[in-house]
Amino acid sequence: MEYIIQTEGLCKYYKKFKALDGVDIHVPKGSIYGFVGRNGAGKTTLIRILSGVAFPTKGSFEIRGVKSTDRKIHEARSRMGAVVETPSIYLDMTAEQNIRQQCRALGKDFSCVDGILKLVGLSNTGKKLAKNFSLGMRQRLGIAFSLVNDPEFLILDEPINGLDPQGIIEVRNLLTSLNKERGMTILISSHILDELSKLATHYGFIEKGHILREMSADEIEHACRHMTRITVSDTGILSGVLDAMNADYKVISGTEAEIYSDFTVTPLVLALHEKGCEVGKLSESHESLETFFINMVGGAGI
């Protein structure tokens, strides 16, 4: 597999605090790589190193096959776009003026301006100043900044944090379009896992500066347990029946439980009926990405 970014034993220390401690990640070319971790896990630190904002204490990384120790690393980074933390936009300028200013800063002509504004859905904003944009529009304008150099690889740090539902959908559609229509590789960090699961093709899970695991979306789908949620009149009776079946389950409330083992519905319903327990509803689903991650790190908090 071809990787557009790799790190090896990457460390970042702040005095005695280890923000990153031996991090190895592998971002496949053409993927949307979801970088998952709690606040303070090390996501932003790694992104700042990859985008050139910070330097590692130890270890190395590669961008497009160019090692971080190579003099050509700057050239490799020139084909990369990044939005780290809050996008640096000019609030007293229009969207078009903002993109033109970014072109000047990068020594580019203005031929790309109209296309980028159309791509991020800001071509009809006219003379409206960025300070009057919604948060979602500002986020898309920040992403537009990162597209001026026509990057092969895009790094986004919490791009949907704080957005309303409409803003989230707009950013999600934009990133999907960049990936599928332009073949752009995207690394996106987020702790909004329900939204990330609608985008990512690959994942890296980080906790306390360590990479716990890297997985594809297909592997996640396979690993997330199948679950049947059942509503009954008495989960005490249900527990006794499921224990007799050696089933794996979890009681949610006095009337609801989740069953993780395979079972045949008719014998379960009959056994409960014999004991005077009525079944209200059965529904099947899979564990969410959020539940999978919480189980991986051994507790709540994301």
C-alpha atoms as a PDB file:
ATOM      1  CA  MET A   1       0.000   0.000   0.000  1.00  0.00           C
ATOM      2  CA  GLU A   2       1.218   3.486  -0.861  1.00  0.00           C
ATOM      3  CA  TYR A   3       1.250   5.931   2.042  1.00  0.00           C
ATOM      4  CA  ILE A   4       1.207   9.690   1.632  1.00  0.00           C
ATOM      5  CA  ILE A   5       2.285  10.193   5.265  1.00  0.00           C
ATOM      6  CA  GLN A   6       4.177   7.919   7.639  1.00  0.00           C
ATOM      7  CA  THR A   7       5.691   8.587  11.048  1.00  0.00           C
ATOM      8  CA  GLU A   8       8.172   6.483  12.972  1.00  0.00           C
ATOM      9  CA  GLY A   9       8.728   6.757  16.723  1.00  0.00           C
ATOM     10  CA  LEU A  10       7.572  10.373  16.693  1.00  0.00           C
ATOM     11  CA  CYS A  11       7.905  12.085  20.095  1.00  0.00           C
ATOM     12  CA  LYS A  12       7.134  15.562  21.357  1.00  0.00           C
ATOM     13  CA  TYR A  13       8.014  16.540  24.921  1.00  0.00           C
ATOM     14  CA  TYR A  14       7.138  19.734  26.766  1.00  0.00           C
ATOM     15  CA  LYS A  15       9.495  19.635  29.763  1.00  0.00           C
ATOM     16  CA  LYS A  16       8.337  16.466  31.565  1.00  0.00           C
ATOM     17  CA  PHE A  17       5.041  16.141  29.673  1.00  0.00           C
ATOM     18  CA  LYS A  18       5.029  13.690  26.740  1.00  0.00           C
ATOM     19  CA  ALA A  19       2.477  14.985  24.244  1.00  0.00           C
ATOM     20  CA  LEU A  20       3.548  12.303  21.746  1.00  0.00           C
ATOM     21  CA  ASP A  21       5.437   9.184  22.757  1.00  0.00           C
ATOM     22  CA  GLY A  22       6.637   6.937  19.934  1.00  0.00           C
ATOM     23  CA  VAL A  23       3.842   7.589  17.436  1.00  0.00           C
ATOM     24  CA  ASP A  24       3.682   5.492  14.249  1.00  0.00           C
ATOM     25  CA  ILE A  25       0.901   6.293  11.785  1.00  0.00           C
ATOM     26  CA  HIS A  26       0.351   5.351   8.143  1.00  0.00           C
ATOM     27  CA  VAL A  27      -2.022   7.411   5.985  1.00  0.00           C
ATOM     28  CA  PRO A  28      -2.889   5.579   2.735  1.00  0.00           C
ATOM     29  CA  LYS A  29      -2.917   7.627  -0.448  1.00  0.00           C
ATOM     30  CA  GLY A  30      -6.459   8.535  -1.471  1.00  0.00           C
ATOM     31  CA  SER A  31      -7.932   7.881   1.967  1.00  0.00           C
ATOM     32  CA  ILE A  32      -9.871   9.987   4.444  1.00  0.00           C
ATOM     33  CA  TYR A  33      -7.936   9.206   7.610  1.00  0.00           C
ATOM     34  CA  GLY A  34      -9.909   9.835  10.780  1.00  0.00           C
ATOM     35  CA  PHE A  35      -7.571  10.718  13.636  1.00  0.00           C
ATOM     36  CA  VAL A  36      -9.488   9.842  16.795  1.00  0.00           C
ATOM     37  CA  GLY A  37      -8.681  10.757  20.372  1.00  0.00           C
ATOM     38  CA  ARG A  38      -9.925  12.577  23.414  1.00  0.00           C
ATOM     39  CA  ASN A  39      -9.044  16.221  23.993  1.00  0.00           C
ATOM     40  CA  GLY A  40      -5.375  16.335  25.030  1.00  0.00           C
ATOM     41  CA  ALA A  41      -4.563  12.935  23.508  1.00  0.00           C
ATOM     42  CA  GLY A  42      -2.001  14.418  21.098  1.00  0.00           C
ATOM     43  CA  LYS A  43      -4.004  14.961  17.896  1.00  0.00           C
ATOM     44  CA  THR A  44      -3.246  18.656  17.436  1.00  0.00           C
ATOM     45  CA  THR A  45       0.415  18.201  18.415  1.00  0.00           C
ATOM     46  CA  LEU A  46       0.929  15.639  15.655  1.00  0.00           C
ATOM     47  CA  ILE A  47      -0.901  17.810  13.129  1.00  0.00           C
ATOM     48  CA  ARG A  48       1.236  20.824  14.044  1.00  0.00           C
ATOM     49  CA  ILE A  49       4.399  18.761  13.459  1.00  0.00           C
ATOM     50  CA  LEU A  50       3.231  17.398  10.108  1.00  0.00           C
ATOM     51  CA  SER A  51       2.193  20.842   8.888  1.00  0.00           C
ATOM     52  CA  GLY A  52       5.498  22.435   9.945  1.00  0.00           C
ATOM     53  CA  VAL A  53       4.114  24.564  12.790  1.00  0.00           C
ATOM     54  CA  ALA A  54       6.061  22.572  15.436  1.00  0.00           C
ATOM     55  CA  PHE A  55       9.126  20.307  15.460  1.00  0.00           C
ATOM     56  CA  PRO A  56       9.400  16.806  16.929  1.00  0.00           C
ATOM     57  CA  THR A  57      11.625  16.086  19.912  1.00  0.00           C
ATOM     58  CA  LYS A  58      12.506  12.628  18.537  1.00  0.00           C
ATOM     59  CA  GLY A  59      11.546  10.361  15.662  1.00  0.00           C
ATOM     60  CA  SER A  60      10.898  11.048  11.995  1.00  0.00           C
ATOM     61  CA  PHE A  61       8.152  11.299   9.414  1.00  0.00           C
ATOM     62  CA  GLU A  62       7.721  11.092   5.660  1.00  0.00           C
ATOM     63  CA  ILE A  63       5.492  13.167   3.399  1.00  0.00           C
ATOM     64  CA  ARG A  64       4.997  11.753  -0.100  1.00  0.00           C
ATOM     65  CA  GLY A  65       8.057   9.557   0.432  1.00  0.00           C
ATOM     66  CA  VAL A  66      10.322  12.457   1.476  1.00  0.00           C
ATOM     67  CA  LYS A  67      11.878  12.044   4.933  1.00  0.00           C
ATOM     68  CA  SER A  68      11.638  14.860   7.466  1.00  0.00           C
ATOM     69  CA  THR A  69      15.465  15.042   7.524  1.00  0.00           C
ATOM     70  CA  ASP A  70      15.637  15.616   3.753  1.00  0.00           C
ATOM     71  CA  ARG A  71      16.165  19.143   2.457  1.00  0.00           C
ATOM     72  CA  LYS A  72      13.268  18.523   0.062  1.00  0.00           C
ATOM     73  CA  ILE A  73      10.749  18.223   2.895  1.00  0.00           C
ATOM     74  CA  HIS A  74       9.742  21.851   2.294  1.00  0.00           C
ATOM     75  CA  GLU A  75       8.933  20.986  -1.325  1.00  0.00           C
ATOM     76  CA  ALA A  76       6.873  17.992  -0.189  1.00  0.00           C
ATOM     77  CA  ARG A  77       4.955  20.205   2.238  1.00  0.00           C
ATOM     78  CA  SER A  78       4.195  22.634  -0.603  1.00  0.00           C
ATOM     79  CA  ARG A  79       1.781  20.008  -1.990  1.00  0.00           C
ATOM     80  CA  MET A  80      -0.011  19.855   1.344  1.00  0.00           C
ATOM     81  CA  GLY A  81      -2.802  22.060   2.692  1.00  0.00           C
ATOM     82  CA  ALA A  82      -3.597  22.460   6.371  1.00  0.00           C
ATOM     83  CA  VAL A  83      -6.134  24.134   8.624  1.00  0.00           C
ATOM     84  CA  VAL A  84      -4.755  23.918  12.156  1.00  0.00           C
ATOM     85  CA  GLU A  85      -7.055  25.087  14.935  1.00  0.00           C
ATOM     86  CA  THR A  86      -8.857  28.379  14.005  1.00  0.00           C
ATOM     87  CA  PRO A  87      -8.645  29.302  10.277  1.00  0.00           C
ATOM     88  CA  SER A  88      -6.627  32.509   9.754  1.00  0.00           C
ATOM     89  CA  ILE A  89      -9.023  34.485   7.601  1.00  0.00           C
ATOM     90  CA  TYR A  90      -9.280  38.247   7.067  1.00  0.00           C
ATOM     91  CA  LEU A  91     -12.565  39.262   8.662  1.00  0.00           C
ATOM     92  CA  ASP A  92     -12.790  42.665   6.950  1.00  0.00           C
ATOM     93  CA  MET A  93     -12.439  41.179   3.470  1.00  0.00           C
ATOM     94  CA  THR A  94     -14.876  39.355   1.204  1.00  0.00           C
ATOM     95  CA  ALA A  95     -14.374  35.679   0.361  1.00  0.00           C
ATOM     96  CA  GLU A  96     -12.863  36.604  -3.006  1.00  0.00           C
ATOM     97  CA  GLN A  97     -10.514  39.164  -1.441  1.00  0.00           C
ATOM     98  CA  ASN A  98      -9.428  36.570   1.121  1.00  0.00           C
ATOM     99  CA  ILE A  99      -8.500  34.035  -1.553  1.00  0.00           C
ATOM    100  CA  ARG A 100      -6.701  36.667  -3.615  1.00  0.00           C
ATOM    101  CA  GLN A 101      -4.701  37.659  -0.538  1.00  0.00           C
ATOM    102  CA  GLN A 102      -3.730  34.022   0.004  1.00  0.00           C
ATOM    103  CA  CYS A 103      -2.657  33.790  -3.649  1.00  0.00           C
ATOM    104  CA  ARG A 104      -0.398  36.807  -3.164  1.00  0.00           C
ATOM    105  CA  ALA A 105       1.117  35.269  -0.030  1.00  0.00           C
ATOM    106  CA  LEU A 106       1.938  32.066  -1.924  1.00  0.00           C
ATOM    107  CA  GLY A 107       3.101  33.791  -5.090  1.00  0.00           C
ATOM    108  CA  LYS A 108       0.205  32.413  -7.157  1.00  0.00           C
ATOM    109  CA  ASP A 109      -1.809  34.149  -9.846  1.00  0.00           C
ATOM    110  CA  PHE A 110      -5.547  34.680  -9.439  1.00  0.00           C
ATOM    111  CA  SER A 111      -6.684  32.121 -12.016  1.00  0.00           C
ATOM    112  CA  CYS A 112      -7.729  29.645  -9.324  1.00  0.00           C
ATOM    113  CA  VAL A 113      -9.901  32.057  -7.305  1.00  0.00           C
ATOM    114  CA  ASP A 114     -13.277  31.537  -9.001  1.00  0.00           C
ATOM    115  CA  GLY A 115     -12.865  27.760  -9.087  1.00  0.00           C
ATOM    116  CA  ILE A 116     -11.964  27.514  -5.399  1.00  0.00           C
ATOM    117  CA  LEU A 117     -14.857  29.742  -4.326  1.00  0.00           C
ATOM    118  CA  LYS A 118     -17.250  27.608  -6.362  1.00  0.00           C
ATOM    119  CA  LEU A 119     -15.773  24.414  -4.945  1.00  0.00           C
ATOM    120  CA  VAL A 120     -16.302  25.486  -1.324  1.00  0.00           C
ATOM    121  CA  GLY A 121     -19.740  26.968  -1.998  1.00  0.00           C
ATOM    122  CA  LEU A 122     -18.813  30.633  -1.497  1.00  0.00           C
ATOM    123  CA  SER A 123     -19.029  31.933  -5.062  1.00  0.00           C
ATOM    124  CA  ASN A 124     -22.278  33.830  -4.427  1.00  0.00           C
ATOM    125  CA  THR A 125     -21.243  35.737  -1.297  1.00  0.00           C
ATOM    126  CA  GLY A 126     -20.472  38.910  -3.274  1.00  0.00           C
ATOM    127  CA  LYS A 127     -19.453  41.873  -1.122  1.00  0.00           C
ATOM    128  CA  LYS A 128     -20.396  40.213   2.162  1.00  0.00           C
ATOM    129  CA  LEU A 129     -17.466  40.484   4.590  1.00  0.00           C
ATOM    130  CA  ALA A 130     -16.085  37.382   6.303  1.00  0.00           C
ATOM    131  CA  LYS A 131     -16.913  38.832   9.724  1.00  0.00           C
ATOM    132  CA  ASN A 132     -20.581  38.476   8.779  1.00  0.00           C
ATOM    133  CA  PHE A 133     -20.208  34.839   7.683  1.00  0.00           C
ATOM    134  CA  SER A 134     -21.671  31.959   9.668  1.00  0.00           C
ATOM    135  CA  LEU A 135     -19.193  29.712  11.453  1.00  0.00           C
ATOM    136  CA  GLY A 136     -19.668  27.065   8.752  1.00  0.00           C
ATOM    137  CA  MET A 137     -18.930  29.594   5.993  1.00  0.00           C
ATOM    138  CA  ARG A 138     -15.776  30.717   7.808  1.00  0.00           C
ATOM    139  CA  GLN A 139     -14.674  27.092   8.139  1.00  0.00           C
ATOM    140  CA  ARG A 140     -15.170  26.529   4.411  1.00  0.00           C
ATOM    141  CA  LEU A 141     -13.259  29.734   3.674  1.00  0.00           C
ATOM    142  CA  GLY A 142     -10.401  28.432   5.849  1.00  0.00           C
ATOM    143  CA  ILE A 143     -10.409  25.198   3.843  1.00  0.00           C
ATOM    144  CA  ALA A 144     -10.415  27.296   0.653  1.00  0.00           C
ATOM    145  CA  PHE A 145      -7.171  28.925   1.863  1.00  0.00           C
ATOM    146  CA  SER A 146      -5.556  25.498   2.038  1.00  0.00           C
ATOM    147  CA  LEU A 147      -6.613  24.692  -1.542  1.00  0.00           C
ATOM    148  CA  VAL A 148      -4.804  27.618  -3.203  1.00  0.00           C
ATOM    149  CA  ASN A 149      -1.623  25.584  -3.707  1.00  0.00           C
ATOM    150  CA  ASP A 150      -3.635  22.695  -5.255  1.00  0.00           C
ATOM    151  CA  PRO A 151      -2.594  20.187  -2.567  1.00  0.00           C
ATOM    152  CA  GLU A 152      -2.524  16.408  -2.886  1.00  0.00           C
ATOM    153  CA  PHE A 153      -2.957  16.055   0.857  1.00  0.00           C
ATOM    154  CA  LEU A 154      -5.135  18.028   3.260  1.00  0.00           C
ATOM    155  CA  ILE A 155      -4.838  18.159   7.066  1.00  0.00           C
ATOM    156  CA  LEU A 156      -7.787  19.450   9.067  1.00  0.00           C
ATOM    157  CA  ASP A 157      -7.860  19.850  12.837  1.00  0.00           C
ATOM    158  CA  GLU A 158     -11.413  19.607  14.247  1.00  0.00           C
ATOM    159  CA  PRO A 159     -13.059  21.184  11.153  1.00  0.00           C
ATOM    160  CA  ILE A 160     -16.635  20.557  12.343  1.00  0.00           C
ATOM    161  CA  ASN A 161     -16.164  21.545  15.972  1.00  0.00           C
ATOM    162  CA  GLY A 162     -18.794  24.094  17.009  1.00  0.00           C
ATOM    163  CA  LEU A 163     -20.728  23.982  13.738  1.00  0.00           C
ATOM    164  CA  ASP A 164     -24.504  23.735  13.578  1.00  0.00           C
ATOM    165  CA  PRO A 165     -26.058  20.730  11.737  1.00  0.00           C
ATOM    166  CA  GLN A 166     -26.233  22.617   8.425  1.00  0.00           C
ATOM    167  CA  GLY A 167     -22.587  23.690   8.704  1.00  0.00           C
ATOM    168  CA  ILE A 168     -21.528  20.119   9.472  1.00  0.00           C
ATOM    169  CA  ILE A 169     -23.335  18.806   6.392  1.00  0.00           C
ATOM    170  CA  GLU A 170     -21.741  21.482   4.196  1.00  0.00           C
ATOM    171  CA  VAL A 171     -18.217  20.680   5.381  1.00  0.00           C
ATOM    172  CA  ARG A 172     -18.857  16.922   5.137  1.00  0.00           C
ATOM    173  CA  ASN A 173     -20.077  17.258   1.523  1.00  0.00           C
ATOM    174  CA  LEU A 174     -17.076  19.411   0.639  1.00  0.00           C
ATOM    175  CA  LEU A 175     -14.564  16.917   2.039  1.00  0.00           C
ATOM    176  CA  THR A 176     -16.301  13.992   0.348  1.00  0.00           C
ATOM    177  CA  SER A 177     -16.161  15.869  -2.957  1.00  0.00           C
ATOM    178  CA  LEU A 178     -12.450  16.691  -2.565  1.00  0.00           C
ATOM    179  CA  ASN A 179     -11.666  13.065  -1.827  1.00  0.00           C
ATOM    180  CA  LYS A 180     -13.800  11.348  -4.455  1.00  0.00           C
ATOM    181  CA  GLU A 181     -13.670  13.838  -7.320  1.00  0.00           C
ATOM    182  CA  ARG A 182     -10.117  15.128  -6.887  1.00  0.00           C
ATOM    183  CA  GLY A 183      -8.525  12.059  -5.291  1.00  0.00           C
ATOM    184  CA  MET A 184      -7.302  14.186  -2.403  1.00  0.00           C
ATOM    185  CA  THR A 185      -5.992  12.417   0.694  1.00  0.00           C
ATOM    186  CA  ILE A 186      -7.410  13.963   3.861  1.00  0.00           C
ATOM    187  CA  LEU A 187      -6.357  13.592   7.488  1.00  0.00           C
ATOM    188  CA  ILE A 188      -9.105  14.871   9.740  1.00  0.00           C
ATOM    189  CA  SER A 189      -8.983  14.943  13.526  1.00  0.00           C
ATOM    190  CA  SER A 190     -12.242  15.033  15.430  1.00  0.00           C
ATOM    191  CA  HIS A 191     -13.907  13.948  18.627  1.00  0.00           C
ATOM    192  CA  ILE A 192     -17.365  14.069  17.005  1.00  0.00           C
ATOM    193  CA  LEU A 193     -17.218  10.405  16.116  1.00  0.00           C
ATOM    194  CA  ASP A 194     -20.710  10.000  14.699  1.00  0.00           C
ATOM    195  CA  GLU A 195     -19.860  12.511  11.953  1.00  0.00           C
ATOM    196  CA  LEU A 196     -16.368  11.116  11.420  1.00  0.00           C
ATOM    197  CA  SER A 197     -17.841   7.666  10.801  1.00  0.00           C
ATOM    198  CA  LYS A 198     -19.739   9.124   7.802  1.00  0.00           C
ATOM    199  CA  LEU A 199     -16.479  10.258   6.193  1.00  0.00           C
ATOM    200  CA  ALA A 200     -13.458   8.179   7.121  1.00  0.00           C
ATOM    201  CA  THR A 201     -12.084   5.248   5.140  1.00  0.00           C
ATOM    202  CA  HIS A 202      -9.274   4.625   7.662  1.00  0.00           C
ATOM    203  CA  TYR A 203      -8.708   5.406  11.328  1.00  0.00           C
ATOM    204  CA  GLY A 204      -5.903   5.979  13.781  1.00  0.00           C
ATOM    205  CA  PHE A 205      -6.784   5.903  17.489  1.00  0.00           C
ATOM    206  CA  ILE A 206      -4.569   7.894  19.858  1.00  0.00           C
ATOM    207  CA  GLU A 207      -4.631   7.993  23.649  1.00  0.00           C
ATOM    208  CA  LYS A 208      -2.162   9.786  25.948  1.00  0.00           C
ATOM    209  CA  GLY A 209       0.319  10.295  23.123  1.00  0.00           C
ATOM    210  CA  HIS A 210       0.290   6.639  22.003  1.00  0.00           C
ATOM    211  CA  ILE A 211      -1.281   5.147  18.884  1.00  0.00           C
ATOM    212  CA  LEU A 212      -3.559   2.377  20.113  1.00  0.00           C
ATOM    213  CA  ARG A 213      -4.502   0.978  16.734  1.00  0.00           C
ATOM    214  CA  GLU A 214      -4.906   1.745  13.033  1.00  0.00           C
ATOM    215  CA  MET A 215      -7.838   0.221  11.171  1.00  0.00           C
ATOM    216  CA  SER A 216      -9.771   0.548   7.934  1.00  0.00           C
ATOM    217  CA  ALA A 217     -13.476   1.406   7.984  1.00  0.00           C
ATOM    218  CA  ASP A 218     -14.197  -2.169   6.876  1.00  0.00           C
ATOM    219  CA  GLU A 219     -12.206  -3.526   9.811  1.00  0.00           C
ATOM    220  CA  ILE A 220     -14.115  -1.230  12.163  1.00  0.00           C
ATOM    221  CA  GLU A 221     -17.386  -2.482  10.720  1.00  0.00           C
ATOM    222  CA  HIS A 222     -16.263  -6.040  11.334  1.00  0.00           C
ATOM    223  CA  ALA A 223     -15.007  -5.316  14.846  1.00  0.00           C
ATOM    224  CA  CYS A 224     -18.080  -3.450  16.074  1.00  0.00           C
ATOM    225  CA  ARG A 225     -20.319  -5.995  17.707  1.00  0.00           C
ATOM    226  CA  HIS A 226     -23.737  -6.822  16.316  1.00  0.00           C
ATOM    227  CA  MET A 227     -26.364  -5.870  18.860  1.00  0.00           C
ATOM    228  CA  THR A 228     -30.064  -6.507  19.413  1.00  0.00           C
ATOM    229  CA  ARG A 229     -31.853  -4.038  21.638  1.00  0.00           C
ATOM    230  CA  ILE A 230     -34.848  -5.558  23.404  1.00  0.00           C
ATOM    231  CA  THR A 231     -37.642  -3.865  25.336  1.00  0.00           C
ATOM    232  CA  VAL A 232     -39.404  -6.037  27.913  1.00  0.00           C
ATOM    233  CA  SER A 233     -41.674  -5.614  30.906  1.00  0.00           C
ATOM    234  CA  ASP A 234     -39.006  -6.855  33.352  1.00  0.00           C
ATOM    235  CA  THR A 235     -35.251  -7.015  32.645  1.00  0.00           C
ATOM    236  CA  GLY A 236     -34.786  -9.021  35.869  1.00  0.00           C
ATOM    237  CA  ILE A 237     -36.637 -11.939  34.285  1.00  0.00           C
ATOM    238  CA  LEU A 238     -34.843 -11.305  30.972  1.00  0.00           C
ATOM    239  CA  SER A 239     -31.456 -11.523  32.717  1.00  0.00           C
ATOM    240  CA  GLY A 240     -32.320 -14.934  34.165  1.00  0.00           C
ATOM    241  CA  VAL A 241     -33.343 -16.279  30.751  1.00  0.00           C
ATOM    242  CA  LEU A 242     -30.262 -14.862  29.013  1.00  0.00           C
ATOM    243  CA  ASP A 243     -27.970 -16.228  31.729  1.00  0.00           C
ATOM    244  CA  ALA A 244     -29.432 -19.681  31.120  1.00  0.00           C
ATOM    245  CA  MET A 245     -28.624 -19.224  27.416  1.00  0.00           C
ATOM    246  CA  ASN A 246     -25.016 -18.145  28.246  1.00  0.00           C
ATOM    247  CA  ALA A 247     -25.721 -14.971  26.277  1.00  0.00           C
ATOM    248  CA  ASP A 248     -23.581 -11.840  26.263  1.00  0.00           C
ATOM    249  CA  TYR A 249     -25.801  -8.897  27.169  1.00  0.00           C
ATOM    250  CA  LYS A 250     -26.044  -5.600  29.043  1.00  0.00           C
ATOM    251  CA  VAL A 251     -29.040  -4.277  30.966  1.00  0.00           C
ATOM    252  CA  ILE A 252     -29.731  -0.625  30.094  1.00  0.00           C
ATOM    253  CA  SER A 253     -32.732   0.028  32.325  1.00  0.00           C
ATOM    254  CA  GLY A 254     -35.618  -1.730  34.007  1.00  0.00           C
ATOM    255  CA  THR A 255     -37.190  -2.356  30.619  1.00  0.00           C
ATOM    256  CA  GLU A 256     -34.319  -2.316  28.085  1.00  0.00           C
ATOM    257  CA  ALA A 257     -31.256  -4.451  27.413  1.00  0.00           C
ATOM    258  CA  GLU A 258     -28.706  -5.009  24.643  1.00  0.00           C
ATOM    259  CA  ILE A 259     -27.952  -8.576  23.526  1.00  0.00           C
ATOM    260  CA  TYR A 260     -24.622  -9.161  21.763  1.00  0.00           C
ATOM    261  CA  SER A 261     -24.844 -12.936  21.233  1.00  0.00           C
ATOM    262  CA  ASP A 262     -26.595 -14.563  18.284  1.00  0.00           C
ATOM    263  CA  PHE A 263     -29.927 -16.036  19.281  1.00  0.00           C
ATOM    264  CA  THR A 264     -33.167 -17.320  17.801  1.00  0.00           C
ATOM    265  CA  VAL A 265     -36.062 -15.014  18.538  1.00  0.00           C
ATOM    266  CA  THR A 266     -38.913 -17.537  19.010  1.00  0.00           C
ATOM    267  CA  PRO A 267     -37.352 -19.617  21.850  1.00  0.00           C
ATOM    268  CA  LEU A 268     -36.353 -16.405  23.691  1.00  0.00           C
ATOM    269  CA  VAL A 269     -39.842 -14.893  23.409  1.00  0.00           C
ATOM    270  CA  LEU A 270     -41.496 -18.171  24.507  1.00  0.00           C
ATOM    271  CA  ALA A 271     -39.162 -18.539  27.502  1.00  0.00           C
ATOM    272  CA  LEU A 272     -39.953 -14.975  28.597  1.00  0.00           C
ATOM    273  CA  HIS A 273     -43.706 -15.517  28.073  1.00  0.00           C
ATOM    274  CA  GLU A 274     -43.651 -18.603  30.290  1.00  0.00           C
ATOM    275  CA  LYS A 275     -42.173 -16.493  33.101  1.00  0.00           C
ATOM    276  CA  GLY A 276     -44.718 -13.699  32.645  1.00  0.00           C
ATOM    277  CA  CYS A 277     -42.368 -11.259  30.900  1.00  0.00           C
ATOM    278  CA  GLU A 278     -43.757  -9.476  27.840  1.00  0.00           C
ATOM    279  CA  VAL A 279     -41.594  -8.460  24.896  1.00  0.00           C
ATOM    280  CA  GLY A 280     -42.345  -4.990  23.547  1.00  0.00           C
ATOM    281  CA  LYS A 281     -39.809  -4.411  20.794  1.00  0.00           C
ATOM    282  CA  LEU A 282     -36.685  -5.887  19.149  1.00  0.00           C
ATOM    283  CA  SER A 283     -34.299  -3.856  16.962  1.00  0.00           C
ATOM    284  CA  GLU A 284     -30.929  -4.763  15.471  1.00  0.00           C
ATOM    285  CA  SER A 285     -27.890  -2.492  15.069  1.00  0.00           C
ATOM    286  CA  HIS A 286     -24.110  -2.359  15.382  1.00  0.00           C
ATOM    287  CA  GLU A 287     -21.978  -0.677  18.013  1.00  0.00           C
ATOM    288  CA  SER A 288     -21.183   2.900  17.100  1.00  0.00           C
ATOM    289  CA  LEU A 289     -17.647   4.173  16.464  1.00  0.00           C
ATOM    290  CA  GLU A 290     -17.938   6.117  19.711  1.00  0.00           C
ATOM    291  CA  THR A 291     -18.773   2.985  21.715  1.00  0.00           C
ATOM    292  CA  PHE A 292     -15.951   1.105  19.996  1.00  0.00           C
ATOM    293  CA  PHE A 293     -13.449   3.811  20.948  1.00  0.00           C
ATOM    294  CA  ILE A 294     -14.680   4.094  24.533  1.00  0.00           C
ATOM    295  CA  ASN A 295     -14.344   0.337  24.941  1.00  0.00           C
ATOM    296  CA  MET A 296     -10.842   0.531  23.458  1.00  0.00           C
ATOM    297  CA  VAL A 297      -9.612   3.158  25.921  1.00  0.00           C
ATOM    298  CA  GLY A 298     -11.457   1.594  28.809  1.00  0.00           C
ATOM    299  CA  GLY A 299     -13.800   4.379  29.832  1.00  0.00           C
ATOM    300  CA  ALA A 300     -15.918   7.378  28.929  1.00  0.00           C
ATOM    301  CA  GLY A 301     -14.721  10.947  28.484  1.00  0.00           C
ATOM    302  CA  ILE A 302     -14.672  11.605  24.771  1.00  0.00           C
END
